[in-house]
Amino acid sequence: MAEKSKKTAKVVPLKNRKCPTCGAPAVAEFKPFCCKRCSDVDLGRWLNEDYRIHTDEAPGDIPGDVPGDTPGGDGDG
């Protein structure tokens, strides 16, 4: 009998969320967005670096940010 009560557990539906771009109800196919357009708008914002974490540091203040140092380079300058 204990197993039967586990199988009949109440399922709680997820809260309906709104599209972060336009505020319309989200659609499962494009979740968390409502359509492909809103998804593409958000992607464009990421690619244009519109989303940022603001800091007081200047771009050159990052530790390890050495002029002439390229990712994957061999260090010969």
PDB file of N, CA and C in Angstrom:
ATOM      1  N   MET A   1       0.814  -1.201   0.000  1.00  0.00           N
ATOM      2  CA  MET A   1       0.000   0.000   0.000  1.00  0.00           C
ATOM      3  C   MET A   1       0.858   1.266   0.000  1.00  0.00           C
ATOM      4  N   ALA A   2       2.018   1.210   0.608  1.00  0.00           N
ATOM      5  CA  ALA A   2       2.879   2.388   0.647  1.00  0.00           C
ATOM      6  C   ALA A   2       3.319   2.794  -0.752  1.00  0.00           C
ATOM      7  N   GLU A   3       3.559   1.817  -1.638  1.00  0.00           N
ATOM      8  CA  GLU A   3       3.978   2.131  -3.000  1.00  0.00           C
ATOM      9  C   GLU A   3       2.873   2.835  -3.773  1.00  0.00           C
ATOM     10  N   LYS A   4       1.646   2.469  -3.534  1.00  0.00           N
ATOM     11  CA  LYS A   4       0.534   3.092  -4.243  1.00  0.00           C
ATOM     12  C   LYS A   4       0.450   4.584  -3.920  1.00  0.00           C
ATOM     13  N   SER A   5       0.690   4.965  -2.678  1.00  0.00           N
ATOM     14  CA  SER A   5       0.613   6.375  -2.311  1.00  0.00           C
ATOM     15  C   SER A   5       1.738   7.176  -2.973  1.00  0.00           C
ATOM     16  N   LYS A   6       2.894   6.558  -3.212  1.00  0.00           N
ATOM     17  CA  LYS A   6       3.982   7.255  -3.903  1.00  0.00           C
ATOM     18  C   LYS A   6       3.614   7.536  -5.355  1.00  0.00           C
ATOM     19  N   LYS A   7       2.930   6.602  -5.993  1.00  0.00           N
ATOM     20  CA  LYS A   7       2.578   6.757  -7.397  1.00  0.00           C
ATOM     21  C   LYS A   7       1.444   7.750  -7.604  1.00  0.00           C
ATOM     22  N   THR A   8       0.650   7.987  -6.599  1.00  0.00           N
ATOM     23  CA  THR A   8      -0.477   8.907  -6.730  1.00  0.00           C
ATOM     24  C   THR A   8      -0.149  10.286  -6.166  1.00  0.00           C
ATOM     25  N   ALA A   9       1.140  10.621  -6.141  1.00  0.00           N
ATOM     26  CA  ALA A   9       1.536  11.931  -5.629  1.00  0.00           C
ATOM     27  C   ALA A   9       0.945  13.027  -6.512  1.00  0.00           C
ATOM     28  N   LYS A  10       0.593  14.117  -5.895  1.00  0.00           N
ATOM     29  CA  LYS A  10      -0.023  15.228  -6.608  1.00  0.00           C
ATOM     30  C   LYS A  10       1.025  15.951  -7.458  1.00  0.00           C
ATOM     31  N   VAL A  11       0.707  16.183  -8.708  1.00  0.00           N
ATOM     32  CA  VAL A  11       1.598  16.892  -9.619  1.00  0.00           C
ATOM     33  C   VAL A  11       1.199  18.360  -9.624  1.00  0.00           C
ATOM     34  N   VAL A  12       2.162  19.216  -9.354  1.00  0.00           N
ATOM     35  CA  VAL A  12       1.904  20.650  -9.321  1.00  0.00           C
ATOM     36  C   VAL A  12       2.422  21.257 -10.622  1.00  0.00           C
ATOM     37  N   PRO A  13       1.575  21.912 -11.402  1.00  0.00           N
ATOM     38  CA  PRO A  13       2.035  22.502 -12.664  1.00  0.00           C
ATOM     39  C   PRO A  13       2.999  23.659 -12.417  1.00  0.00           C
ATOM     40  N   LEU A  14       3.919  23.846 -13.361  1.00  0.00           N
ATOM     41  CA  LEU A  14       4.857  24.951 -13.262  1.00  0.00           C
ATOM     42  C   LEU A  14       4.135  26.269 -13.490  1.00  0.00           C
ATOM     43  N   LYS A  15       4.645  27.302 -12.878  1.00  0.00           N
ATOM     44  CA  LYS A  15       4.062  28.627 -13.040  1.00  0.00           C
ATOM     45  C   LYS A  15       4.309  29.111 -14.466  1.00  0.00           C
ATOM     46  N   ASN A  16       3.281  29.654 -15.083  1.00  0.00           N
ATOM     47  CA  ASN A  16       3.440  30.204 -16.427  1.00  0.00           C
ATOM     48  C   ASN A  16       4.302  31.453 -16.351  1.00  0.00           C
ATOM     49  N   ARG A  17       5.313  31.486 -17.172  1.00  0.00           N
ATOM     50  CA  ARG A  17       6.238  32.612 -17.191  1.00  0.00           C
ATOM     51  C   ARG A  17       5.970  33.488 -18.404  1.00  0.00           C
ATOM     52  N   LYS A  18       6.384  34.725 -18.300  1.00  0.00           N
ATOM     53  CA  LYS A  18       6.238  35.658 -19.408  1.00  0.00           C
ATOM     54  C   LYS A  18       7.555  35.751 -20.173  1.00  0.00           C
ATOM     55  N   CYS A  19       7.449  36.072 -21.441  1.00  0.00           N
ATOM     56  CA  CYS A  19       8.613  36.261 -22.303  1.00  0.00           C
ATOM     57  C   CYS A  19       9.445  37.419 -21.746  1.00  0.00           C
ATOM     58  N   PRO A  20      10.754  37.219 -21.524  1.00  0.00           N
ATOM     59  CA  PRO A  20      11.572  38.302 -20.978  1.00  0.00           C
ATOM     60  C   PRO A  20      11.776  39.461 -21.957  1.00  0.00           C
ATOM     61  N   THR A  21      11.502  39.243 -23.234  1.00  0.00           N
ATOM     62  CA  THR A  21      11.697  40.292 -24.235  1.00  0.00           C
ATOM     63  C   THR A  21      10.476  41.192 -24.368  1.00  0.00           C
ATOM     64  N   CYS A  22       9.282  40.577 -24.491  1.00  0.00           N
ATOM     65  CA  CYS A  22       8.086  41.400 -24.751  1.00  0.00           C
ATOM     66  C   CYS A  22       6.996  41.270 -23.687  1.00  0.00           C
ATOM     67  N   GLY A  23       7.075  40.273 -22.813  1.00  0.00           N
ATOM     68  CA  GLY A  23       6.086  40.116 -21.754  1.00  0.00           C
ATOM     69  C   GLY A  23       4.906  39.231 -22.101  1.00  0.00           C
ATOM     70  N   ALA A  24       4.861  38.701 -23.323  1.00  0.00           N
ATOM     71  CA  ALA A  24       3.777  37.790 -23.719  1.00  0.00           C
ATOM     72  C   ALA A  24       3.984  36.434 -23.044  1.00  0.00           C
ATOM     73  N   PRO A  25       2.948  35.614 -22.954  1.00  0.00           N
ATOM     74  CA  PRO A  25       3.121  34.286 -22.355  1.00  0.00           C
ATOM     75  C   PRO A  25       4.133  33.453 -23.147  1.00  0.00           C
ATOM     76  N   ALA A  26       5.000  32.736 -22.436  1.00  0.00           N
ATOM     77  CA  ALA A  26       6.017  31.900 -23.080  1.00  0.00           C
ATOM     78  C   ALA A  26       5.367  30.705 -23.762  1.00  0.00           C
ATOM     79  N   VAL A  27       5.987  30.242 -24.836  1.00  0.00           N
ATOM     80  CA  VAL A  27       5.524  29.085 -25.597  1.00  0.00           C
ATOM     81  C   VAL A  27       6.570  27.991 -25.433  1.00  0.00           C
ATOM     82  N   ALA A  28       6.129  26.748 -25.227  1.00  0.00           N
ATOM     83  CA  ALA A  28       7.053  25.645 -24.956  1.00  0.00           C
ATOM     84  C   ALA A  28       8.140  25.524 -26.019  1.00  0.00           C
ATOM     85  N   GLU A  29       7.803  25.708 -27.276  1.00  0.00           N
ATOM     86  CA  GLU A  29       8.774  25.548 -28.366  1.00  0.00           C
ATOM     87  C   GLU A  29       9.925  26.546 -28.264  1.00  0.00           C
ATOM     88  N   PHE A  30       9.674  27.746 -27.756  1.00  0.00           N
ATOM     89  CA  PHE A  30      10.685  28.801 -27.700  1.00  0.00           C
ATOM     90  C   PHE A  30      11.032  29.206 -26.271  1.00  0.00           C
ATOM     91  N   LYS A  31      10.620  28.430 -25.301  1.00  0.00           N
ATOM     92  CA  LYS A  31      10.773  28.770 -23.892  1.00  0.00           C
ATOM     93  C   LYS A  31      12.194  29.193 -23.577  1.00  0.00           C
ATOM     94  N   PRO A  32      12.420  30.267 -22.893  1.00  0.00           N
ATOM     95  CA  PRO A  32      11.469  31.051 -22.111  1.00  0.00           C
ATOM     96  C   PRO A  32      10.810  32.174 -22.904  1.00  0.00           C
ATOM     97  N   PHE A  33      10.957  32.153 -24.216  1.00  0.00           N
ATOM     98  CA  PHE A  33      10.418  33.221 -25.057  1.00  0.00           C
ATOM     99  C   PHE A  33       9.065  32.829 -25.635  1.00  0.00           C
ATOM    100  N   CYS A  34       8.415  33.798 -26.279  1.00  0.00           N
ATOM    101  CA  CYS A  34       7.101  33.531 -26.870  1.00  0.00           C
ATOM    102  C   CYS A  34       7.200  33.171 -28.345  1.00  0.00           C
ATOM    103  N   CYS A  35       8.305  33.544 -28.989  1.00  0.00           N
ATOM    104  CA  CYS A  35       8.457  33.271 -30.421  1.00  0.00           C
ATOM    105  C   CYS A  35       9.931  33.340 -30.805  1.00  0.00           C
ATOM    106  N   LYS A  36      10.226  32.930 -32.020  1.00  0.00           N
ATOM    107  CA  LYS A  36      11.608  32.941 -32.509  1.00  0.00           C
ATOM    108  C   LYS A  36      12.147  34.362 -32.573  1.00  0.00           C
ATOM    109  N   ARG A  37      11.311  35.310 -32.929  1.00  0.00           N
ATOM    110  CA  ARG A  37      11.762  36.697 -33.022  1.00  0.00           C
ATOM    111  C   ARG A  37      12.306  37.194 -31.684  1.00  0.00           C
ATOM    112  N   CYS A  38      11.565  36.954 -30.600  1.00  0.00           N
ATOM    113  CA  CYS A  38      12.024  37.397 -29.282  1.00  0.00           C
ATOM    114  C   CYS A  38      13.301  36.666 -28.873  1.00  0.00           C
ATOM    115  N   SER A  39      13.396  35.395 -29.242  1.00  0.00           N
ATOM    116  CA  SER A  39      14.608  34.632 -28.977  1.00  0.00           C
ATOM    117  C   SER A  39      15.799  35.244 -29.711  1.00  0.00           C
ATOM    118  N   ASP A  40      15.598  35.615 -30.975  1.00  0.00           N
ATOM    119  CA  ASP A  40      16.666  36.219 -31.770  1.00  0.00           C
ATOM    120  C   ASP A  40      17.038  37.605 -31.260  1.00  0.00           C
ATOM    121  N   VAL A  41      16.059  38.370 -30.800  1.00  0.00           N
ATOM    122  CA  VAL A  41      16.337  39.689 -30.225  1.00  0.00           C
ATOM    123  C   VAL A  41      17.239  39.529 -29.005  1.00  0.00           C
ATOM    124  N   ASP A  42      16.937  38.557 -28.153  1.00  0.00           N
ATOM    125  CA  ASP A  42      17.746  38.318 -26.963  1.00  0.00           C
ATOM    126  C   ASP A  42      19.159  37.874 -27.347  1.00  0.00           C
ATOM    127  N   LEU A  43      19.272  36.991 -28.326  1.00  0.00           N
ATOM    128  CA  LEU A  43      20.585  36.548 -28.790  1.00  0.00           C
ATOM    129  C   LEU A  43      21.389  37.730 -29.316  1.00  0.00           C
ATOM    130  N   GLY A  44      20.739  38.606 -30.067  1.00  0.00           N
ATOM    131  CA  GLY A  44      21.415  39.799 -30.569  1.00  0.00           C
ATOM    132  C   GLY A  44      21.927  40.680 -29.443  1.00  0.00           C
ATOM    133  N   ARG A  45      21.170  40.778 -28.381  1.00  0.00           N
ATOM    134  CA  ARG A  45      21.613  41.575 -27.226  1.00  0.00           C
ATOM    135  C   ARG A  45      22.859  40.970 -26.599  1.00  0.00           C
ATOM    136  N   TRP A  46      22.898  39.642 -26.502  1.00  0.00           N
ATOM    137  CA  TRP A  46      24.094  38.976 -25.967  1.00  0.00           C
ATOM    138  C   TRP A  46      25.285  39.215 -26.886  1.00  0.00           C
ATOM    139  N   LEU A  47      25.091  39.045 -28.196  1.00  0.00           N
ATOM    140  CA  LEU A  47      26.191  39.192 -29.146  1.00  0.00           C
ATOM    141  C   LEU A  47      26.696  40.628 -29.234  1.00  0.00           C
ATOM    142  N   ASN A  48      25.825  41.602 -29.020  1.00  0.00           N
ATOM    143  CA  ASN A  48      26.227  43.011 -29.008  1.00  0.00           C
ATOM    144  C   ASN A  48      26.772  43.439 -27.655  1.00  0.00           C
ATOM    145  N   GLU A  49      26.840  42.499 -26.721  1.00  0.00           N
ATOM    146  CA  GLU A  49      27.319  42.749 -25.357  1.00  0.00           C
ATOM    147  C   GLU A  49      26.487  43.805 -24.644  1.00  0.00           C
ATOM    148  N   ASP A  50      25.168  43.802 -24.905  1.00  0.00           N
ATOM    149  CA  ASP A  50      24.269  44.709 -24.203  1.00  0.00           C
ATOM    150  C   ASP A  50      24.066  44.282 -22.755  1.00  0.00           C
ATOM    151  N   TYR A  51      24.225  42.996 -22.470  1.00  0.00           N
ATOM    152  CA  TYR A  51      24.117  42.497 -21.103  1.00  0.00           C
ATOM    153  C   TYR A  51      25.503  42.550 -20.478  1.00  0.00           C
ATOM    154  N   ARG A  52      25.636  43.263 -19.379  1.00  0.00           N
ATOM    155  CA  ARG A  52      26.931  43.423 -18.724  1.00  0.00           C
ATOM    156  C   ARG A  52      26.767  43.413 -17.213  1.00  0.00           C
ATOM    157  N   ILE A  53      27.849  43.098 -16.565  1.00  0.00           N
ATOM    158  CA  ILE A  53      27.937  43.249 -15.119  1.00  0.00           C
ATOM    159  C   ILE A  53      28.836  44.451 -14.899  1.00  0.00           C
ATOM    160  N   HIS A  54      28.281  45.501 -14.349  1.00  0.00           N
ATOM    161  CA  HIS A  54      29.036  46.732 -14.168  1.00  0.00           C
ATOM    162  C   HIS A  54      29.990  46.607 -12.991  1.00  0.00           C
ATOM    163  N   THR A  55      31.232  47.068 -13.200  1.00  0.00           N
ATOM    164  CA  THR A  55      32.243  47.059 -12.146  1.00  0.00           C
ATOM    165  C   THR A  55      32.941  48.407 -12.120  1.00  0.00           C
ATOM    166  N   ASP A  56      33.762  48.615 -11.099  1.00  0.00           N
ATOM    167  CA  ASP A  56      34.551  49.837 -10.991  1.00  0.00           C
ATOM    168  C   ASP A  56      35.926  49.676 -11.634  1.00  0.00           C
ATOM    169  N   GLU A  57      36.238  48.476 -12.105  1.00  0.00           N
ATOM    170  CA  GLU A  57      37.551  48.205 -12.676  1.00  0.00           C
ATOM    171  C   GLU A  57      37.629  48.683 -14.120  1.00  0.00           C
ATOM    172  N   ALA A  58      38.800  49.195 -14.494  1.00  0.00           N
ATOM    173  CA  ALA A  58      39.049  49.554 -15.888  1.00  0.00           C
ATOM    174  C   ALA A  58      39.339  48.271 -16.663  1.00  0.00           C
ATOM    175  N   PRO A  59      39.116  48.243 -17.975  1.00  0.00           N
ATOM    176  CA  PRO A  59      39.343  47.020 -18.747  1.00  0.00           C
ATOM    177  C   PRO A  59      40.747  46.449 -18.591  1.00  0.00           C
ATOM    178  N   GLY A  60      41.764  47.269 -18.385  1.00  0.00           N
ATOM    179  CA  GLY A  60      43.134  46.781 -18.228  1.00  0.00           C
ATOM    180  C   GLY A  60      43.448  46.271 -16.837  1.00  0.00           C
ATOM    181  N   ASP A  61      42.515  46.385 -15.895  1.00  0.00           N
ATOM    182  CA  ASP A  61      42.760  45.973 -14.514  1.00  0.00           C
ATOM    183  C   ASP A  61      42.545  44.488 -14.276  1.00  0.00           C
ATOM    184  N   ILE A  62      42.221  43.740 -15.303  1.00  0.00           N
ATOM    185  CA  ILE A  62      41.936  42.321 -15.131  1.00  0.00           C
ATOM    186  C   ILE A  62      43.247  41.575 -14.923  1.00  0.00           C
ATOM    187  N   PRO A  63      43.397  40.816 -13.833  1.00  0.00           N
ATOM    188  CA  PRO A  63      44.628  40.053 -13.610  1.00  0.00           C
ATOM    189  C   PRO A  63      44.877  39.085 -14.758  1.00  0.00           C
ATOM    190  N   GLY A  64      46.112  39.042 -15.226  1.00  0.00           N
ATOM    191  CA  GLY A  64      46.452  38.150 -16.323  1.00  0.00           C
ATOM    192  C   GLY A  64      46.206  38.769 -17.681  1.00  0.00           C
ATOM    193  N   ASP A  65      45.702  39.999 -17.714  1.00  0.00           N
ATOM    194  CA  ASP A  65      45.452  40.687 -18.977  1.00  0.00           C
ATOM    195  C   ASP A  65      46.745  41.387 -19.387  1.00  0.00           C
ATOM    196  N   VAL A  66      47.614  40.644 -20.072  1.00  0.00           N
ATOM    197  CA  VAL A  66      48.929  41.142 -20.441  1.00  0.00           C
ATOM    198  C   VAL A  66      48.918  41.539 -21.916  1.00  0.00           C
ATOM    199  N   PRO A  67      49.391  42.751 -22.247  1.00  0.00           N
ATOM    200  CA  PRO A  67      49.436  43.149 -23.658  1.00  0.00           C
ATOM    201  C   PRO A  67      50.267  42.161 -24.474  1.00  0.00           C
ATOM    202  N   GLY A  68      49.755  41.772 -25.623  1.00  0.00           N
ATOM    203  CA  GLY A  68      50.459  40.835 -26.491  1.00  0.00           C
ATOM    204  C   GLY A  68      50.209  39.385 -26.156  1.00  0.00           C
ATOM    205  N   ASP A  69      49.539  39.114 -25.046  1.00  0.00           N
ATOM    206  CA  ASP A  69      49.247  37.738 -24.648  1.00  0.00           C
ATOM    207  C   ASP A  69      47.951  37.315 -25.317  1.00  0.00           C
ATOM    208  N   THR A  70      48.007  36.294 -26.155  1.00  0.00           N
ATOM    209  CA  THR A  70      46.817  35.824 -26.848  1.00  0.00           C
ATOM    210  C   THR A  70      46.422  34.457 -26.335  1.00  0.00           C
ATOM    211  N   PRO A  71      45.131  34.177 -26.252  1.00  0.00           N
ATOM    212  CA  PRO A  71      44.690  32.857 -25.800  1.00  0.00           C
ATOM    213  C   PRO A  71      45.200  31.769 -26.736  1.00  0.00           C
ATOM    214  N   GLY A  72      45.756  30.724 -26.165  1.00  0.00           N
ATOM    215  CA  GLY A  72      46.232  29.598 -26.952  1.00  0.00           C
ATOM    216  C   GLY A  72      47.592  29.841 -27.576  1.00  0.00           C
ATOM    217  N   GLY A  73      48.193  30.988 -27.310  1.00  0.00           N
ATOM    218  CA  GLY A  73      49.512  31.287 -27.866  1.00  0.00           C
ATOM    219  C   GLY A  73      50.601  30.523 -27.141  1.00  0.00           C
ATOM    220  N   ASP A  74      51.810  30.541 -27.722  1.00  0.00           N
ATOM    221  CA  ASP A  74      52.903  29.805 -27.100  1.00  0.00           C
ATOM    222  C   ASP A  74      53.746  30.675 -26.186  1.00  0.00           C
ATOM    223  N   GLY A  75      53.381  31.953 -26.038  1.00  0.00           N
ATOM    224  CA  GLY A  75      54.066  32.831 -25.110  1.00  0.00           C
ATOM    225  C   GLY A  75      55.295  33.497 -25.693  1.00  0.00           C
ATOM    226  N   ASP A  76      55.579  33.307 -26.989  1.00  0.00           N
ATOM    227  CA  ASP A  76      56.748  33.921 -27.595  1.00  0.00           C
ATOM    228  C   ASP A  76      56.491  35.357 -28.043  1.00  0.00           C
ATOM    229  N   GLY A  77      55.328  35.874 -27.756  1.00  0.00           N
ATOM    230  CA  GLY A  77      55.078  37.263 -27.937  1.00  0.00           C
ATOM    231  C   GLY A  77      54.383  37.671 -29.130  1.00  0.00           C
TER     232      GLY A  77
END
